[in-house]
Amino acid sequence: MSELLLASKRCAECLTTRNRIVPGARAASIIKDCREQRNHFFCHKGGDQSVHCRGVHDILKGSRAHDFAVGFGIPVREVDPDTLGTTAS
């Protein structure tokens, strides 16, 4: 891992908002799984890039991947999800 990409803000369809692109029950399940595993979730706007979702990151106060990056001095670069321009399918 040369750097960890983290969304600089929640996108308009963030999993943690009412405008999410998945049903509420599915969003709750994903967040629950991330919380139990201390795992991250990739923003759908990242496309081919593995951009960590800002909403899930904020709710969980980080993740194992984020802690690993910080602990080993791997740069954490924030990217604006609105400028990524690609939606994963």
PDB file of N, CA and C in Angstrom:
ATOM      1  N   MET A   1       0.856  -1.166   0.000  1.00  0.00           N
ATOM      2  CA  MET A   1       0.000   0.000   0.000  1.00  0.00           C
ATOM      3  C   MET A   1       0.900   1.226   0.000  1.00  0.00           C
ATOM      4  N   SER A   2       0.816   2.018  -1.062  1.00  0.00           N
ATOM      5  CA  SER A   2       1.645   3.218  -1.137  1.00  0.00           C
ATOM      6  C   SER A   2       0.957   4.421  -0.488  1.00  0.00           C
ATOM      7  N   GLU A   3      -0.367   4.404  -0.472  1.00  0.00           N
ATOM      8  CA  GLU A   3      -1.149   5.432   0.212  1.00  0.00           C
ATOM      9  C   GLU A   3      -2.569   4.914   0.407  1.00  0.00           C
ATOM     10  N   LEU A   4      -3.252   5.475   1.368  1.00  0.00           N
ATOM     11  CA  LEU A   4      -4.650   5.138   1.607  1.00  0.00           C
ATOM     12  C   LEU A   4      -5.479   6.318   1.145  1.00  0.00           C
ATOM     13  N   LEU A   5      -6.474   6.050   0.328  1.00  0.00           N
ATOM     14  CA  LEU A   5      -7.359   7.108  -0.159  1.00  0.00           C
ATOM     15  C   LEU A   5      -8.611   7.143   0.693  1.00  0.00           C
ATOM     16  N   LEU A   6      -8.951   8.324   1.175  1.00  0.00           N
ATOM     17  CA  LEU A   6     -10.127   8.523   2.021  1.00  0.00           C
ATOM     18  C   LEU A   6     -10.938   9.670   1.429  1.00  0.00           C
ATOM     19  N   ALA A   7     -12.221   9.443   1.245  1.00  0.00           N
ATOM     20  CA  ALA A   7     -13.075  10.523   0.744  1.00  0.00           C
ATOM     21  C   ALA A   7     -13.001  11.698   1.714  1.00  0.00           C
ATOM     22  N   SER A   8     -12.860  12.891   1.177  1.00  0.00           N
ATOM     23  CA  SER A   8     -12.723  14.087   2.019  1.00  0.00           C
ATOM     24  C   SER A   8     -14.048  14.524   2.636  1.00  0.00           C
ATOM     25  N   LYS A   9     -15.137  14.000   2.081  1.00  0.00           N
ATOM     26  CA  LYS A   9     -16.473  14.316   2.593  1.00  0.00           C
ATOM     27  C   LYS A   9     -17.413  13.186   2.175  1.00  0.00           C
ATOM     28  N   ARG A  10     -18.589  13.195   2.734  1.00  0.00           N
ATOM     29  CA  ARG A  10     -19.596  12.221   2.332  1.00  0.00           C
ATOM     30  C   ARG A  10     -20.135  12.610   0.966  1.00  0.00           C
ATOM     31  N   CYS A  11     -20.253  11.643   0.074  1.00  0.00           N
ATOM     32  CA  CYS A  11     -20.827  11.952  -1.235  1.00  0.00           C
ATOM     33  C   CYS A  11     -22.347  12.086  -1.090  1.00  0.00           C
ATOM     34  N   ALA A  12     -22.990  12.569  -2.108  1.00  0.00           N
ATOM     35  CA  ALA A  12     -24.438  12.810  -2.063  1.00  0.00           C
ATOM     36  C   ALA A  12     -25.237  11.524  -1.858  1.00  0.00           C
ATOM     37  N   GLU A  13     -24.679  10.391  -2.255  1.00  0.00           N
ATOM     38  CA  GLU A  13     -25.375   9.101  -2.105  1.00  0.00           C
ATOM     39  C   GLU A  13     -24.715   8.227  -1.046  1.00  0.00           C
ATOM     40  N   CYS A  14     -24.041   8.838  -0.092  1.00  0.00           N
ATOM     41  CA  CYS A  14     -23.298   8.097   0.928  1.00  0.00           C
ATOM     42  C   CYS A  14     -24.186   7.073   1.632  1.00  0.00           C
ATOM     43  N   LEU A  15     -23.578   5.956   1.940  1.00  0.00           N
ATOM     44  CA  LEU A  15     -24.260   4.876   2.651  1.00  0.00           C
ATOM     45  C   LEU A  15     -24.899   5.362   3.949  1.00  0.00           C
ATOM     46  N   THR A  16     -24.371   6.426   4.502  1.00  0.00           N
ATOM     47  CA  THR A  16     -24.842   6.920   5.800  1.00  0.00           C
ATOM     48  C   THR A  16     -25.867   8.047   5.677  1.00  0.00           C
ATOM     49  N   THR A  17     -26.372   8.284   4.458  1.00  0.00           N
ATOM     50  CA  THR A  17     -27.373   9.334   4.260  1.00  0.00           C
ATOM     51  C   THR A  17     -28.691   8.739   3.767  1.00  0.00           C
ATOM     52  N   ARG A  18     -29.722   9.550   3.778  1.00  0.00           N
ATOM     53  CA  ARG A  18     -31.023   9.108   3.267  1.00  0.00           C
ATOM     54  C   ARG A  18     -31.012   8.908   1.756  1.00  0.00           C
ATOM     55  N   ASN A  19     -30.070   9.520   1.069  1.00  0.00           N
ATOM     56  CA  ASN A  19     -29.982   9.413  -0.388  1.00  0.00           C
ATOM     57  C   ASN A  19     -29.138   8.229  -0.846  1.00  0.00           C
ATOM     58  N   ARG A  20     -28.818   7.314   0.056  1.00  0.00           N
ATOM     59  CA  ARG A  20     -27.968   6.163  -0.282  1.00  0.00           C
ATOM     60  C   ARG A  20     -28.577   5.353  -1.431  1.00  0.00           C
ATOM     61  N   ILE A  21     -27.723   4.616  -2.121  1.00  0.00           N
ATOM     62  CA  ILE A  21     -28.171   3.865  -3.292  1.00  0.00           C
ATOM     63  C   ILE A  21     -28.564   2.424  -2.959  1.00  0.00           C
ATOM     64  N   VAL A  22     -28.528   2.075  -1.688  1.00  0.00           N
ATOM     65  CA  VAL A  22     -28.978   0.747  -1.248  1.00  0.00           C
ATOM     66  C   VAL A  22     -30.107   0.936  -0.240  1.00  0.00           C
ATOM     67  N   PRO A  23     -30.961  -0.076  -0.073  1.00  0.00           N
ATOM     68  CA  PRO A  23     -32.032   0.029   0.929  1.00  0.00           C
ATOM     69  C   PRO A  23     -31.461   0.218   2.342  1.00  0.00           C
ATOM     70  N   GLY A  24     -32.253   0.845   3.199  1.00  0.00           N
ATOM     71  CA  GLY A  24     -31.826   1.119   4.563  1.00  0.00           C
ATOM     72  C   GLY A  24     -31.366  -0.108   5.326  1.00  0.00           C
ATOM     73  N   ALA A  25     -32.078  -1.222   5.163  1.00  0.00           N
ATOM     74  CA  ALA A  25     -31.704  -2.451   5.874  1.00  0.00           C
ATOM     75  C   ALA A  25     -30.336  -2.951   5.413  1.00  0.00           C
ATOM     76  N   ARG A  26     -30.065  -2.835   4.125  1.00  0.00           N
ATOM     77  CA  ARG A  26     -28.759  -3.269   3.606  1.00  0.00           C
ATOM     78  C   ARG A  26     -27.658  -2.347   4.117  1.00  0.00           C
ATOM     79  N   ALA A  27     -27.914  -1.056   4.135  1.00  0.00           N
ATOM     80  CA  ALA A  27     -26.931  -0.106   4.655  1.00  0.00           C
ATOM     81  C   ALA A  27     -26.621  -0.413   6.121  1.00  0.00           C
ATOM     82  N   ALA A  28     -27.651  -0.674   6.905  1.00  0.00           N
ATOM     83  CA  ALA A  28     -27.462  -0.997   8.323  1.00  0.00           C
ATOM     84  C   ALA A  28     -26.635  -2.264   8.484  1.00  0.00           C
ATOM     85  N   SER A  29     -26.883  -3.249   7.632  1.00  0.00           N
ATOM     86  CA  SER A  29     -26.135  -4.502   7.677  1.00  0.00           C
ATOM     87  C   SER A  29     -24.663  -4.290   7.338  1.00  0.00           C
ATOM     88  N   ILE A  30     -24.404  -3.479   6.314  1.00  0.00           N
ATOM     89  CA  ILE A  30     -23.020  -3.186   5.918  1.00  0.00           C
ATOM     90  C   ILE A  30     -22.291  -2.474   7.055  1.00  0.00           C
ATOM     91  N   ILE A  31     -22.929  -1.468   7.639  1.00  0.00           N
ATOM     92  CA  ILE A  31     -22.303  -0.709   8.724  1.00  0.00           C
ATOM     93  C   ILE A  31     -22.072  -1.606   9.939  1.00  0.00           C
ATOM     94  N   LYS A  32     -23.025  -2.469  10.241  1.00  0.00           N
ATOM     95  CA  LYS A  32     -22.878  -3.412  11.361  1.00  0.00           C
ATOM     96  C   LYS A  32     -21.679  -4.327  11.127  1.00  0.00           C
ATOM     97  N   ASP A  33     -21.566  -4.874   9.910  1.00  0.00           N
ATOM     98  CA  ASP A  33     -20.436  -5.746   9.583  1.00  0.00           C
ATOM     99  C   ASP A  33     -19.114  -4.997   9.702  1.00  0.00           C
ATOM    100  N   CYS A  34     -19.077  -3.766   9.195  1.00  0.00           N
ATOM    101  CA  CYS A  34     -17.855  -2.964   9.289  1.00  0.00           C
ATOM    102  C   CYS A  34     -17.498  -2.702  10.750  1.00  0.00           C
ATOM    103  N   ARG A  35     -18.497  -2.408  11.563  1.00  0.00           N
ATOM    104  CA  ARG A  35     -18.258  -2.137  12.989  1.00  0.00           C
ATOM    105  C   ARG A  35     -17.714  -3.391  13.684  1.00  0.00           C
ATOM    106  N   GLU A  36     -18.329  -4.535  13.429  1.00  0.00           N
ATOM    107  CA  GLU A  36     -17.905  -5.772  14.092  1.00  0.00           C
ATOM    108  C   GLU A  36     -16.506  -6.201  13.670  1.00  0.00           C
ATOM    109  N   GLN A  37     -16.161  -5.973  12.411  1.00  0.00           N
ATOM    110  CA  GLN A  37     -14.857  -6.384  11.890  1.00  0.00           C
ATOM    111  C   GLN A  37     -13.811  -5.262  11.952  1.00  0.00           C
ATOM    112  N   ARG A  38     -14.258  -4.064  12.381  1.00  0.00           N
ATOM    113  CA  ARG A  38     -13.418  -2.860  12.357  1.00  0.00           C
ATOM    114  C   ARG A  38     -12.828  -2.685  10.966  1.00  0.00           C
ATOM    115  N   ASN A  39     -13.709  -2.847   9.995  1.00  0.00           N
ATOM    116  CA  ASN A  39     -13.338  -2.817   8.594  1.00  0.00           C
ATOM    117  C   ASN A  39     -13.779  -1.509   7.952  1.00  0.00           C
ATOM    118  N   HIS A  40     -13.269  -1.235   6.794  1.00  0.00           N
ATOM    119  CA  HIS A  40     -13.634  -0.049   6.026  1.00  0.00           C
ATOM    120  C   HIS A  40     -14.678  -0.419   4.974  1.00  0.00           C
ATOM    121  N   PHE A  41     -15.166   0.573   4.274  1.00  0.00           N
ATOM    122  CA  PHE A  41     -16.112   0.383   3.174  1.00  0.00           C
ATOM    123  C   PHE A  41     -15.663   1.314   2.066  1.00  0.00           C
ATOM    124  N   PHE A  42     -15.647   0.811   0.831  1.00  0.00           N
ATOM    125  CA  PHE A  42     -15.217   1.635  -0.293  1.00  0.00           C
ATOM    126  C   PHE A  42     -16.373   2.455  -0.847  1.00  0.00           C
ATOM    127  N   CYS A  43     -16.094   3.725  -1.096  1.00  0.00           N
ATOM    128  CA  CYS A  43     -17.064   4.629  -1.701  1.00  0.00           C
ATOM    129  C   CYS A  43     -17.351   4.166  -3.128  1.00  0.00           C
ATOM    130  N   HIS A  44     -18.619   4.128  -3.496  1.00  0.00           N
ATOM    131  CA  HIS A  44     -18.991   3.685  -4.847  1.00  0.00           C
ATOM    132  C   HIS A  44     -18.507   4.645  -5.926  1.00  0.00           C
ATOM    133  N   LYS A  45     -18.185   5.866  -5.542  1.00  0.00           N
ATOM    134  CA  LYS A  45     -17.717   6.845  -6.528  1.00  0.00           C
ATOM    135  C   LYS A  45     -16.250   6.657  -6.877  1.00  0.00           C
ATOM    136  N   GLY A  46     -15.577   5.777  -6.155  1.00  0.00           N
ATOM    137  CA  GLY A  46     -14.152   5.572  -6.383  1.00  0.00           C
ATOM    138  C   GLY A  46     -13.817   4.892  -7.694  1.00  0.00           C
ATOM    139  N   GLY A  47     -14.796   4.200  -8.282  1.00  0.00           N
ATOM    140  CA  GLY A  47     -14.521   3.499  -9.535  1.00  0.00           C
ATOM    141  C   GLY A  47     -13.419   2.480  -9.345  1.00  0.00           C
ATOM    142  N   ASP A  48     -12.354   2.603 -10.133  1.00  0.00           N
ATOM    143  CA  ASP A  48     -11.226   1.673 -10.050  1.00  0.00           C
ATOM    144  C   ASP A  48     -10.306   1.961  -8.860  1.00  0.00           C
ATOM    145  N   GLN A  49     -10.516   3.079  -8.201  1.00  0.00           N
ATOM    146  CA  GLN A  49      -9.694   3.433  -7.048  1.00  0.00           C
ATOM    147  C   GLN A  49     -10.369   2.942  -5.766  1.00  0.00           C
ATOM    148  N   SER A  50      -9.593   2.515  -4.835  1.00  0.00           N
ATOM    149  CA  SER A  50     -10.116   2.043  -3.550  1.00  0.00           C
ATOM    150  C   SER A  50     -10.166   3.219  -2.581  1.00  0.00           C
ATOM    151  N   VAL A  51     -11.270   3.967  -2.648  1.00  0.00           N
ATOM    152  CA  VAL A  51     -11.446   5.157  -1.815  1.00  0.00           C
ATOM    153  C   VAL A  51     -12.338   4.796  -0.628  1.00  0.00           C
ATOM    154  N   HIS A  52     -11.812   4.978   0.570  1.00  0.00           N
ATOM    155  CA  HIS A  52     -12.584   4.668   1.766  1.00  0.00           C
ATOM    156  C   HIS A  52     -13.726   5.662   1.934  1.00  0.00           C
ATOM    157  N   CYS A  53     -14.898   5.143   2.248  1.00  0.00           N
ATOM    158  CA  CYS A  53     -16.101   5.951   2.454  1.00  0.00           C
ATOM    159  C   CYS A  53     -15.931   6.835   3.692  1.00  0.00           C
ATOM    160  N   ARG A  54     -16.139   8.138   3.530  1.00  0.00           N
ATOM    161  CA  ARG A  54     -15.999   9.089   4.632  1.00  0.00           C
ATOM    162  C   ARG A  54     -17.081   8.865   5.688  1.00  0.00           C
ATOM    163  N   GLY A  55     -18.306   8.592   5.251  1.00  0.00           N
ATOM    164  CA  GLY A  55     -19.395   8.408   6.210  1.00  0.00           C
ATOM    165  C   GLY A  55     -19.148   7.246   7.145  1.00  0.00           C
ATOM    166  N   VAL A  56     -18.771   6.097   6.598  1.00  0.00           N
ATOM    167  CA  VAL A  56     -18.491   4.919   7.436  1.00  0.00           C
ATOM    168  C   VAL A  56     -17.252   5.175   8.282  1.00  0.00           C
ATOM    169  N   HIS A  57     -16.252   5.795   7.705  1.00  0.00           N
ATOM    170  CA  HIS A  57     -15.027   6.119   8.450  1.00  0.00           C
ATOM    171  C   HIS A  57     -15.358   6.972   9.676  1.00  0.00           C
ATOM    172  N   ASP A  58     -16.188   7.990   9.491  1.00  0.00           N
ATOM    173  CA  ASP A  58     -16.536   8.879  10.604  1.00  0.00           C
ATOM    174  C   ASP A  58     -17.366   8.173  11.671  1.00  0.00           C
ATOM    175  N   ILE A  59     -18.317   7.371  11.240  1.00  0.00           N
ATOM    176  CA  ILE A  59     -19.157   6.647  12.207  1.00  0.00           C
ATOM    177  C   ILE A  59     -18.320   5.698  13.060  1.00  0.00           C
ATOM    178  N   LEU A  60     -17.396   4.980  12.403  1.00  0.00           N
ATOM    179  CA  LEU A  60     -16.593   3.975  13.102  1.00  0.00           C
ATOM    180  C   LEU A  60     -15.324   4.557  13.718  1.00  0.00           C
ATOM    181  N   LYS A  61     -15.071   5.831  13.459  1.00  0.00           N
ATOM    182  CA  LYS A  61     -13.858   6.494  13.955  1.00  0.00           C
ATOM    183  C   LYS A  61     -12.606   5.789  13.434  1.00  0.00           C
ATOM    184  N   GLY A  62     -12.629   5.435  12.152  1.00  0.00           N
ATOM    185  CA  GLY A  62     -11.477   4.801  11.517  1.00  0.00           C
ATOM    186  C   GLY A  62     -11.740   3.353  11.162  1.00  0.00           C
ATOM    187  N   SER A  63     -10.663   2.646  10.869  1.00  0.00           N
ATOM    188  CA  SER A  63     -10.733   1.226  10.508  1.00  0.00           C
ATOM    189  C   SER A  63      -9.358   0.610  10.743  1.00  0.00           C
ATOM    190  N   ARG A  64      -9.280  -0.700  10.641  1.00  0.00           N
ATOM    191  CA  ARG A  64      -7.981  -1.359  10.782  1.00  0.00           C
ATOM    192  C   ARG A  64      -7.025  -0.886   9.699  1.00  0.00           C
ATOM    193  N   ALA A  65      -7.535  -0.745   8.457  1.00  0.00           N
ATOM    194  CA  ALA A  65      -6.674  -0.300   7.354  1.00  0.00           C
ATOM    195  C   ALA A  65      -6.137   1.103   7.619  1.00  0.00           C
ATOM    196  N   HIS A  66      -6.993   1.994   8.098  1.00  0.00           N
ATOM    197  CA  HIS A  66      -6.566   3.362   8.406  1.00  0.00           C
ATOM    198  C   HIS A  66      -5.542   3.355   9.534  1.00  0.00           C
ATOM    199  N   ASP A  67      -5.811   2.592  10.582  1.00  0.00           N
ATOM    200  CA  ASP A  67      -4.874   2.509  11.709  1.00  0.00           C
ATOM    201  C   ASP A  67      -3.526   1.954  11.245  1.00  0.00           C
ATOM    202  N   PHE A  68      -3.551   0.948  10.369  1.00  0.00           N
ATOM    203  CA  PHE A  68      -2.331   0.361   9.822  1.00  0.00           C
ATOM    204  C   PHE A  68      -1.537   1.421   9.062  1.00  0.00           C
ATOM    205  N   ALA A  69      -2.228   2.140   8.171  1.00  0.00           N
ATOM    206  CA  ALA A  69      -1.563   3.166   7.370  1.00  0.00           C
ATOM    207  C   ALA A  69      -0.915   4.215   8.272  1.00  0.00           C
ATOM    208  N   VAL A  70      -1.676   4.732   9.221  1.00  0.00           N
ATOM    209  CA  VAL A  70      -1.149   5.766  10.125  1.00  0.00           C
ATOM    210  C   VAL A  70       0.016   5.209  10.944  1.00  0.00           C
ATOM    211  N   GLY A  71      -0.156   4.000  11.461  1.00  0.00           N
ATOM    212  CA  GLY A  71       0.866   3.385  12.305  1.00  0.00           C
ATOM    213  C   GLY A  71       2.182   3.136  11.589  1.00  0.00           C
ATOM    214  N   PHE A  72       2.119   2.863  10.303  1.00  0.00           N
ATOM    215  CA  PHE A  72       3.326   2.579   9.535  1.00  0.00           C
ATOM    216  C   PHE A  72       3.776   3.751   8.672  1.00  0.00           C
ATOM    217  N   GLY A  73       3.188   4.908   8.903  1.00  0.00           N
ATOM    218  CA  GLY A  73       3.620   6.098   8.189  1.00  0.00           C
ATOM    219  C   GLY A  73       3.222   6.131   6.722  1.00  0.00           C
ATOM    220  N   ILE A  74       2.214   5.374   6.374  1.00  0.00           N
ATOM    221  CA  ILE A  74       1.712   5.381   4.997  1.00  0.00           C
ATOM    222  C   ILE A  74       0.795   6.595   4.841  1.00  0.00           C
ATOM    223  N   PRO A  75       1.020   7.396   3.821  1.00  0.00           N
ATOM    224  CA  PRO A  75       0.208   8.602   3.660  1.00  0.00           C
ATOM    225  C   PRO A  75      -1.284   8.295   3.496  1.00  0.00           C
ATOM    226  N   VAL A  76      -2.097   9.123   4.127  1.00  0.00           N
ATOM    227  CA  VAL A  76      -3.546   9.078   3.951  1.00  0.00           C
ATOM    228  C   VAL A  76      -3.900  10.321   3.139  1.00  0.00           C
ATOM    229  N   ARG A  77      -4.360  10.099   1.916  1.00  0.00           N
ATOM    230  CA  ARG A  77      -4.689  11.230   1.035  1.00  0.00           C
ATOM    231  C   ARG A  77      -6.198  11.332   0.902  1.00  0.00           C
ATOM    232  N   GLU A  78      -6.722  12.495   1.224  1.00  0.00           N
ATOM    233  CA  GLU A  78      -8.154  12.725   1.080  1.00  0.00           C
ATOM    234  C   GLU A  78      -8.452  13.172  -0.348  1.00  0.00           C
ATOM    235  N   VAL A  79      -9.494  12.578  -0.919  1.00  0.00           N
ATOM    236  CA  VAL A  79      -9.911  12.927  -2.274  1.00  0.00           C
ATOM    237  C   VAL A  79     -11.388  13.308  -2.254  1.00  0.00           C
ATOM    238  N   ASP A  80     -11.736  14.274  -3.068  1.00  0.00           N
ATOM    239  CA  ASP A  80     -13.118  14.744  -3.162  1.00  0.00           C
ATOM    240  C   ASP A  80     -13.921  13.747  -3.982  1.00  0.00           C
ATOM    241  N   PRO A  81     -14.905  13.069  -3.381  1.00  0.00           N
ATOM    242  CA  PRO A  81     -15.665  12.065  -4.134  1.00  0.00           C
ATOM    243  C   PRO A  81     -16.432  12.659  -5.314  1.00  0.00           C
ATOM    244  N   ASP A  82     -16.753  13.929  -5.251  1.00  0.00           N
ATOM    245  CA  ASP A  82     -17.499  14.551  -6.341  1.00  0.00           C
ATOM    246  C   ASP A  82     -16.646  14.799  -7.579  1.00  0.00           C
ATOM    247  N   THR A  83     -15.340  14.720  -7.442  1.00  0.00           N
ATOM    248  CA  THR A  83     -14.463  14.943  -8.591  1.00  0.00           C
ATOM    249  C   THR A  83     -13.918  13.646  -9.171  1.00  0.00           C
ATOM    250  N   LEU A  84     -14.265  12.510  -8.576  1.00  0.00           N
ATOM    251  CA  LEU A  84     -13.763  11.244  -9.092  1.00  0.00           C
ATOM    252  C   LEU A  84     -14.394  10.893 -10.429  1.00  0.00           C
ATOM    253  N   GLY A  85     -15.667  11.239 -10.595  1.00  0.00           N
ATOM    254  CA  GLY A  85     -16.319  11.117 -11.895  1.00  0.00           C
ATOM    255  C   GLY A  85     -16.645   9.726 -12.368  1.00  0.00           C
ATOM    256  N   THR A  86     -16.364   8.714 -11.566  1.00  0.00           N
ATOM    257  CA  THR A  86     -16.650   7.352 -11.989  1.00  0.00           C
ATOM    258  C   THR A  86     -17.461   6.664 -10.910  1.00  0.00           C
ATOM    259  N   THR A  87     -18.436   5.921 -11.322  1.00  0.00           N
ATOM    260  CA  THR A  87     -19.237   5.142 -10.372  1.00  0.00           C
ATOM    261  C   THR A  87     -18.991   3.678 -10.637  1.00  0.00           C
ATOM    262  N   ALA A  88     -18.668   2.937  -9.587  1.00  0.00           N
ATOM    263  CA  ALA A  88     -18.452   1.500  -9.715  1.00  0.00           C
ATOM    264  C   ALA A  88     -19.780   0.827 -10.054  1.00  0.00           C
ATOM    265  N   SER A  89     -19.704  -0.222 -10.822  1.00  0.00           N
ATOM    266  CA  SER A  89     -20.932  -0.944 -11.175  1.00  0.00           C
ATOM    267  C   SER A  89     -21.047  -2.231 -10.411  1.00  0.00           C
TER     268      SER A  89
END
